[in-house]
Amino acid sequence: MSLQDASDLAQVVGVLAVMASLVFVGMEVRQNSAITRAQVHQQLSDTFTSYLETLASHAGIVAAGTDSKAGLSRMTDDELLQFSFLMAGLFKIWENAFYQYKSGFLDERAWRSNVTWMLAWFHLPGVQTWWSVRKDLFSLEFQALVESSPPPTETQSISTRLRDAAGALVAGP
């Protein structure tokens, strides 16, 4: 084998090694992207679950604030401030989910689940009042998404729906 043949063979082996490395790197990037998406989903789920505990520990304020505009008017200044903080935190979680979705880190199924929750809350009378005063806390793009949404078709409160479902179970067929 001549020196030229050895050089040509080395170049072919080098090209094959570079191609194999690129395939491996591509597989690693794809796997890391999937892991990142799963981590974002898990982090949002954990954050939302934790936040639901916060809302539950302030159930009286949340119920009064979301029920009606009159509910807000009966609240003390401290309760209004707490309600405002609770709503700001909740909608910041959803704004984060919105940007994670737009960036490709949250899949369609997970995003739709967040949208269902978000719009159910957004269209509550007290939340509408809060939003009109505090929407400037959020990006214009997120504001447009939320404000362009139609009200949900279900208008009964979750309490009423749960009572009705429990009554139907007790009554039986």
C-alpha atoms as a PDB file:
ATOM      1  CA  MET A   1       0.000   0.000   0.000  1.00  0.00           C
ATOM      2  CA  SER A   2       1.405   3.305  -1.031  1.00  0.00           C
ATOM      3  CA  LEU A   3       1.542   6.412   1.106  1.00  0.00           C
ATOM      4  CA  GLN A   4      -1.219   7.939  -1.039  1.00  0.00           C
ATOM      5  CA  ASP A   5      -3.456   4.883  -0.515  1.00  0.00           C
ATOM      6  CA  ALA A   6      -2.902   5.044   3.235  1.00  0.00           C
ATOM      7  CA  SER A   7      -3.727   8.750   3.217  1.00  0.00           C
ATOM      8  CA  ASP A   8      -6.929   8.144   1.225  1.00  0.00           C
ATOM      9  CA  LEU A   9      -7.941   5.340   3.592  1.00  0.00           C
ATOM     10  CA  ALA A  10      -7.273   7.543   6.621  1.00  0.00           C
ATOM     11  CA  GLN A  11      -9.433  10.286   5.118  1.00  0.00           C
ATOM     12  CA  VAL A  12     -12.302   7.850   4.489  1.00  0.00           C
ATOM     13  CA  VAL A  13     -12.037   6.523   8.049  1.00  0.00           C
ATOM     14  CA  GLY A  14     -11.924  10.106   9.340  1.00  0.00           C
ATOM     15  CA  VAL A  15     -15.058  11.084   7.393  1.00  0.00           C
ATOM     16  CA  LEU A  16     -16.870   7.975   8.645  1.00  0.00           C
ATOM     17  CA  ALA A  17     -15.832   8.779  12.216  1.00  0.00           C
ATOM     18  CA  VAL A  18     -17.097  12.369  11.876  1.00  0.00           C
ATOM     19  CA  MET A  19     -20.395  11.134  10.442  1.00  0.00           C
ATOM     20  CA  ALA A  20     -20.805   8.606  13.256  1.00  0.00           C
ATOM     21  CA  SER A  21     -20.068  11.353  15.785  1.00  0.00           C
ATOM     22  CA  LEU A  22     -22.692  13.614  14.201  1.00  0.00           C
ATOM     23  CA  VAL A  23     -25.295  10.830  14.314  1.00  0.00           C
ATOM     24  CA  PHE A  24     -24.452  10.220  17.973  1.00  0.00           C
ATOM     25  CA  VAL A  25     -24.645  13.939  18.800  1.00  0.00           C
ATOM     26  CA  GLY A  26     -27.995  14.159  17.000  1.00  0.00           C
ATOM     27  CA  MET A  27     -29.333  11.266  19.054  1.00  0.00           C
ATOM     28  CA  GLU A  28     -28.073  12.892  22.254  1.00  0.00           C
ATOM     29  CA  VAL A  29     -29.679  16.240  21.378  1.00  0.00           C
ATOM     30  CA  ARG A  30     -32.973  14.536  20.615  1.00  0.00           C
ATOM     31  CA  GLN A  31     -32.859  12.595  23.892  1.00  0.00           C
ATOM     32  CA  ASN A  32     -31.899  15.713  25.873  1.00  0.00           C
ATOM     33  CA  SER A  33     -34.774  17.638  24.274  1.00  0.00           C
ATOM     34  CA  ALA A  34     -37.225  14.937  25.341  1.00  0.00           C
ATOM     35  CA  ILE A  35     -35.796  14.983  28.853  1.00  0.00           C
ATOM     36  CA  THR A  36     -36.044  18.775  28.995  1.00  0.00           C
ATOM     37  CA  ARG A  37     -39.687  18.680  27.880  1.00  0.00           C
ATOM     38  CA  ALA A  38     -40.474  16.075  30.523  1.00  0.00           C
ATOM     39  CA  GLN A  39     -38.724  18.168  33.192  1.00  0.00           C
ATOM     40  CA  VAL A  40     -40.634  21.308  32.198  1.00  0.00           C
ATOM     41  CA  HIS A  41     -43.917  19.399  32.324  1.00  0.00           C
ATOM     42  CA  GLN A  42     -43.057  17.946  35.736  1.00  0.00           C
ATOM     43  CA  GLN A  43     -41.946  21.314  37.099  1.00  0.00           C
ATOM     44  CA  LEU A  44     -45.166  23.009  35.934  1.00  0.00           C
ATOM     45  CA  SER A  45     -47.244  20.179  37.399  1.00  0.00           C
ATOM     46  CA  ASP A  46     -45.411  20.410  40.718  1.00  0.00           C
ATOM     47  CA  THR A  47     -45.726  24.193  40.795  1.00  0.00           C
ATOM     48  CA  PHE A  48     -49.428  24.091  39.994  1.00  0.00           C
ATOM     49  CA  THR A  49     -50.123  21.338  42.545  1.00  0.00           C
ATOM     50  CA  SER A  50     -48.270  23.265  45.212  1.00  0.00           C
ATOM     51  CA  TYR A  51     -50.152  26.412  44.279  1.00  0.00           C
ATOM     52  CA  LEU A  52     -53.492  24.613  44.562  1.00  0.00           C
ATOM     53  CA  GLU A  53     -52.549  23.899  48.184  1.00  0.00           C
ATOM     54  CA  THR A  54     -51.938  27.633  48.658  1.00  0.00           C
ATOM     55  CA  LEU A  55     -55.324  28.446  47.146  1.00  0.00           C
ATOM     56  CA  ALA A  56     -57.000  25.832  49.354  1.00  0.00           C
ATOM     57  CA  SER A  57     -55.436  27.362  52.456  1.00  0.00           C
ATOM     58  CA  HIS A  58     -57.049  30.676  51.479  1.00  0.00           C
ATOM     59  CA  ALA A  59     -60.353  29.158  50.351  1.00  0.00           C
ATOM     60  CA  GLY A  60     -62.510  31.844  51.946  1.00  0.00           C
ATOM     61  CA  ILE A  61     -60.684  34.651  50.202  1.00  0.00           C
ATOM     62  CA  VAL A  62     -60.623  32.782  46.891  1.00  0.00           C
ATOM     63  CA  ALA A  63     -64.342  31.966  47.097  1.00  0.00           C
ATOM     64  CA  ALA A  64     -65.282  35.538  47.998  1.00  0.00           C
ATOM     65  CA  GLY A  65     -63.022  37.006  45.348  1.00  0.00           C
ATOM     66  CA  THR A  66     -63.980  34.758  42.477  1.00  0.00           C
ATOM     67  CA  ASP A  67     -67.709  34.506  43.135  1.00  0.00           C
ATOM     68  CA  SER A  68     -68.844  37.956  42.121  1.00  0.00           C
ATOM     69  CA  LYS A  69     -67.912  41.600  41.958  1.00  0.00           C
ATOM     70  CA  ALA A  70     -69.998  42.067  45.097  1.00  0.00           C
ATOM     71  CA  GLY A  71     -67.778  39.520  46.837  1.00  0.00           C
ATOM     72  CA  LEU A  72     -64.773  41.719  46.148  1.00  0.00           C
ATOM     73  CA  SER A  73     -66.529  44.809  47.508  1.00  0.00           C
ATOM     74  CA  ARG A  74     -67.172  43.065  50.845  1.00  0.00           C
ATOM     75  CA  MET A  75     -63.508  42.147  51.333  1.00  0.00           C
ATOM     76  CA  THR A  76     -61.171  44.069  53.619  1.00  0.00           C
ATOM     77  CA  ASP A  77     -58.131  45.794  52.160  1.00  0.00           C
ATOM     78  CA  ASP A  78     -55.930  42.973  53.469  1.00  0.00           C
ATOM     79  CA  GLU A  79     -58.174  40.339  51.900  1.00  0.00           C
ATOM     80  CA  LEU A  80     -58.185  42.195  48.576  1.00  0.00           C
ATOM     81  CA  LEU A  81     -54.396  42.329  48.655  1.00  0.00           C
ATOM     82  CA  GLN A  82     -54.197  38.604  49.425  1.00  0.00           C
ATOM     83  CA  PHE A  83     -56.670  37.850  46.646  1.00  0.00           C
ATOM     84  CA  SER A  84     -54.642  39.947  44.226  1.00  0.00           C
ATOM     85  CA  PHE A  85     -51.421  38.130  45.155  1.00  0.00           C
ATOM     86  CA  LEU A  86     -53.137  34.751  44.815  1.00  0.00           C
ATOM     87  CA  MET A  87     -54.467  35.593  41.358  1.00  0.00           C
ATOM     88  CA  ALA A  88     -51.149  37.093  40.225  1.00  0.00           C
ATOM     89  CA  GLY A  89     -49.337  33.918  41.258  1.00  0.00           C
ATOM     90  CA  LEU A  90     -51.864  31.699  39.540  1.00  0.00           C
ATOM     91  CA  PHE A  91     -51.790  33.601  36.265  1.00  0.00           C
ATOM     92  CA  LYS A  92     -47.957  33.801  36.350  1.00  0.00           C
ATOM     93  CA  ILE A  93     -47.915  30.000  36.422  1.00  0.00           C
ATOM     94  CA  TRP A  94     -50.135  29.976  33.343  1.00  0.00           C
ATOM     95  CA  GLU A  95     -48.109  32.662  31.608  1.00  0.00           C
ATOM     96  CA  ASN A  96     -45.023  30.518  32.169  1.00  0.00           C
ATOM     97  CA  ALA A  97     -46.858  27.507  30.732  1.00  0.00           C
ATOM     98  CA  PHE A  98     -47.825  29.629  27.721  1.00  0.00           C
ATOM     99  CA  TYR A  99     -44.201  30.535  26.993  1.00  0.00           C
ATOM    100  CA  GLN A 100     -42.988  26.989  27.613  1.00  0.00           C
ATOM    101  CA  TYR A 101     -45.594  25.805  25.095  1.00  0.00           C
ATOM    102  CA  LYS A 102     -44.602  28.448  22.535  1.00  0.00           C
ATOM    103  CA  SER A 103     -40.950  27.463  22.976  1.00  0.00           C
ATOM    104  CA  GLY A 104     -41.729  23.806  22.326  1.00  0.00           C
ATOM    105  CA  PHE A 105     -41.015  22.621  25.866  1.00  0.00           C
ATOM    106  CA  LEU A 106     -44.642  21.856  26.732  1.00  0.00           C
ATOM    107  CA  ASP A 107     -46.655  19.573  24.473  1.00  0.00           C
ATOM    108  CA  GLU A 108     -50.130  20.281  23.122  1.00  0.00           C
ATOM    109  CA  ARG A 109     -51.883  17.928  25.538  1.00  0.00           C
ATOM    110  CA  ALA A 110     -50.329  19.520  28.622  1.00  0.00           C
ATOM    111  CA  TRP A 111     -50.925  23.025  27.271  1.00  0.00           C
ATOM    112  CA  ARG A 112     -54.619  22.298  26.584  1.00  0.00           C
ATOM    113  CA  SER A 113     -55.014  21.089  30.170  1.00  0.00           C
ATOM    114  CA  ASN A 114     -53.566  24.369  31.435  1.00  0.00           C
ATOM    115  CA  VAL A 115     -55.804  26.372  29.096  1.00  0.00           C
ATOM    116  CA  THR A 116     -58.914  24.606  30.396  1.00  0.00           C
ATOM    117  CA  TRP A 117     -58.056  25.549  33.985  1.00  0.00           C
ATOM    118  CA  MET A 118     -56.948  29.052  33.073  1.00  0.00           C
ATOM    119  CA  LEU A 119     -60.062  29.974  31.128  1.00  0.00           C
ATOM    120  CA  ALA A 120     -62.380  28.546  33.765  1.00  0.00           C
ATOM    121  CA  TRP A 121     -60.724  30.882  36.290  1.00  0.00           C
ATOM    122  CA  PHE A 122     -60.346  33.843  33.970  1.00  0.00           C
ATOM    123  CA  HIS A 123     -64.065  34.035  33.271  1.00  0.00           C
ATOM    124  CA  LEU A 124     -65.121  34.094  36.938  1.00  0.00           C
ATOM    125  CA  PRO A 125     -66.706  37.490  37.725  1.00  0.00           C
ATOM    126  CA  GLY A 126     -64.278  38.481  40.493  1.00  0.00           C
ATOM    127  CA  VAL A 127     -61.273  37.396  38.447  1.00  0.00           C
ATOM    128  CA  GLN A 128     -62.512  39.502  35.539  1.00  0.00           C
ATOM    129  CA  THR A 129     -62.549  42.524  37.850  1.00  0.00           C
ATOM    130  CA  TRP A 130     -59.082  41.717  39.194  1.00  0.00           C
ATOM    131  CA  TRP A 131     -57.761  41.215  35.642  1.00  0.00           C
ATOM    132  CA  SER A 132     -59.060  44.611  34.526  1.00  0.00           C
ATOM    133  CA  VAL A 133     -56.939  46.233  37.241  1.00  0.00           C
ATOM    134  CA  ARG A 134     -53.824  44.004  37.197  1.00  0.00           C
ATOM    135  CA  LYS A 135     -53.438  42.649  33.651  1.00  0.00           C
ATOM    136  CA  ASP A 136     -50.415  44.904  33.230  1.00  0.00           C
ATOM    137  CA  LEU A 137     -48.474  42.329  35.281  1.00  0.00           C
ATOM    138  CA  PHE A 138     -48.470  40.110  32.197  1.00  0.00           C
ATOM    139  CA  SER A 139     -47.054  40.279  28.703  1.00  0.00           C
ATOM    140  CA  LEU A 140     -49.196  41.726  25.940  1.00  0.00           C
ATOM    141  CA  GLU A 141     -49.094  38.407  24.107  1.00  0.00           C
ATOM    142  CA  PHE A 142     -50.438  36.524  27.131  1.00  0.00           C
ATOM    143  CA  GLN A 143     -53.071  39.215  27.722  1.00  0.00           C
ATOM    144  CA  ALA A 144     -54.264  38.839  24.123  1.00  0.00           C
ATOM    145  CA  LEU A 145     -54.523  35.054  24.454  1.00  0.00           C
ATOM    146  CA  VAL A 146     -56.524  35.218  27.668  1.00  0.00           C
ATOM    147  CA  GLU A 147     -58.776  38.072  26.612  1.00  0.00           C
ATOM    148  CA  SER A 148     -59.620  36.511  23.243  1.00  0.00           C
ATOM    149  CA  SER A 149     -60.959  33.354  24.842  1.00  0.00           C
ATOM    150  CA  PRO A 150     -64.676  32.638  24.873  1.00  0.00           C
ATOM    151  CA  PRO A 151     -66.306  31.946  28.239  1.00  0.00           C
ATOM    152  CA  PRO A 152     -66.586  28.250  29.071  1.00  0.00           C
ATOM    153  CA  THR A 153     -69.914  26.604  28.326  1.00  0.00           C
ATOM    154  CA  GLU A 154     -70.112  25.235  31.887  1.00  0.00           C
ATOM    155  CA  THR A 155     -71.273  28.038  34.187  1.00  0.00           C
ATOM    156  CA  GLN A 156     -71.982  26.141  37.398  1.00  0.00           C
ATOM    157  CA  SER A 157     -69.437  26.414  40.192  1.00  0.00           C
ATOM    158  CA  ILE A 158     -67.299  23.397  40.978  1.00  0.00           C
ATOM    159  CA  SER A 159     -69.075  23.125  44.348  1.00  0.00           C
ATOM    160  CA  THR A 160     -72.477  22.902  42.649  1.00  0.00           C
ATOM    161  CA  ARG A 161     -71.213  20.409  40.097  1.00  0.00           C
ATOM    162  CA  LEU A 162     -69.663  18.205  42.804  1.00  0.00           C
ATOM    163  CA  ARG A 163     -72.848  18.335  44.917  1.00  0.00           C
ATOM    164  CA  ASP A 164     -74.947  17.401  41.890  1.00  0.00           C
ATOM    165  CA  ALA A 165     -72.613  14.526  41.027  1.00  0.00           C
ATOM    166  CA  ALA A 166     -72.584  13.283  44.636  1.00  0.00           C
ATOM    167  CA  GLY A 167     -76.394  13.514  44.788  1.00  0.00           C
ATOM    168  CA  ALA A 168     -76.674  11.512  41.586  1.00  0.00           C
ATOM    169  CA  LEU A 169     -74.401   8.827  43.042  1.00  0.00           C
ATOM    170  CA  VAL A 170     -76.400   8.637  46.278  1.00  0.00           C
ATOM    171  CA  ALA A 171     -79.736   8.535  44.448  1.00  0.00           C
ATOM    172  CA  GLY A 172     -78.490   5.723  42.280  1.00  0.00           C
ATOM    173  CA  PRO A 173     -80.142   4.397  39.126  1.00  0.00           C
END
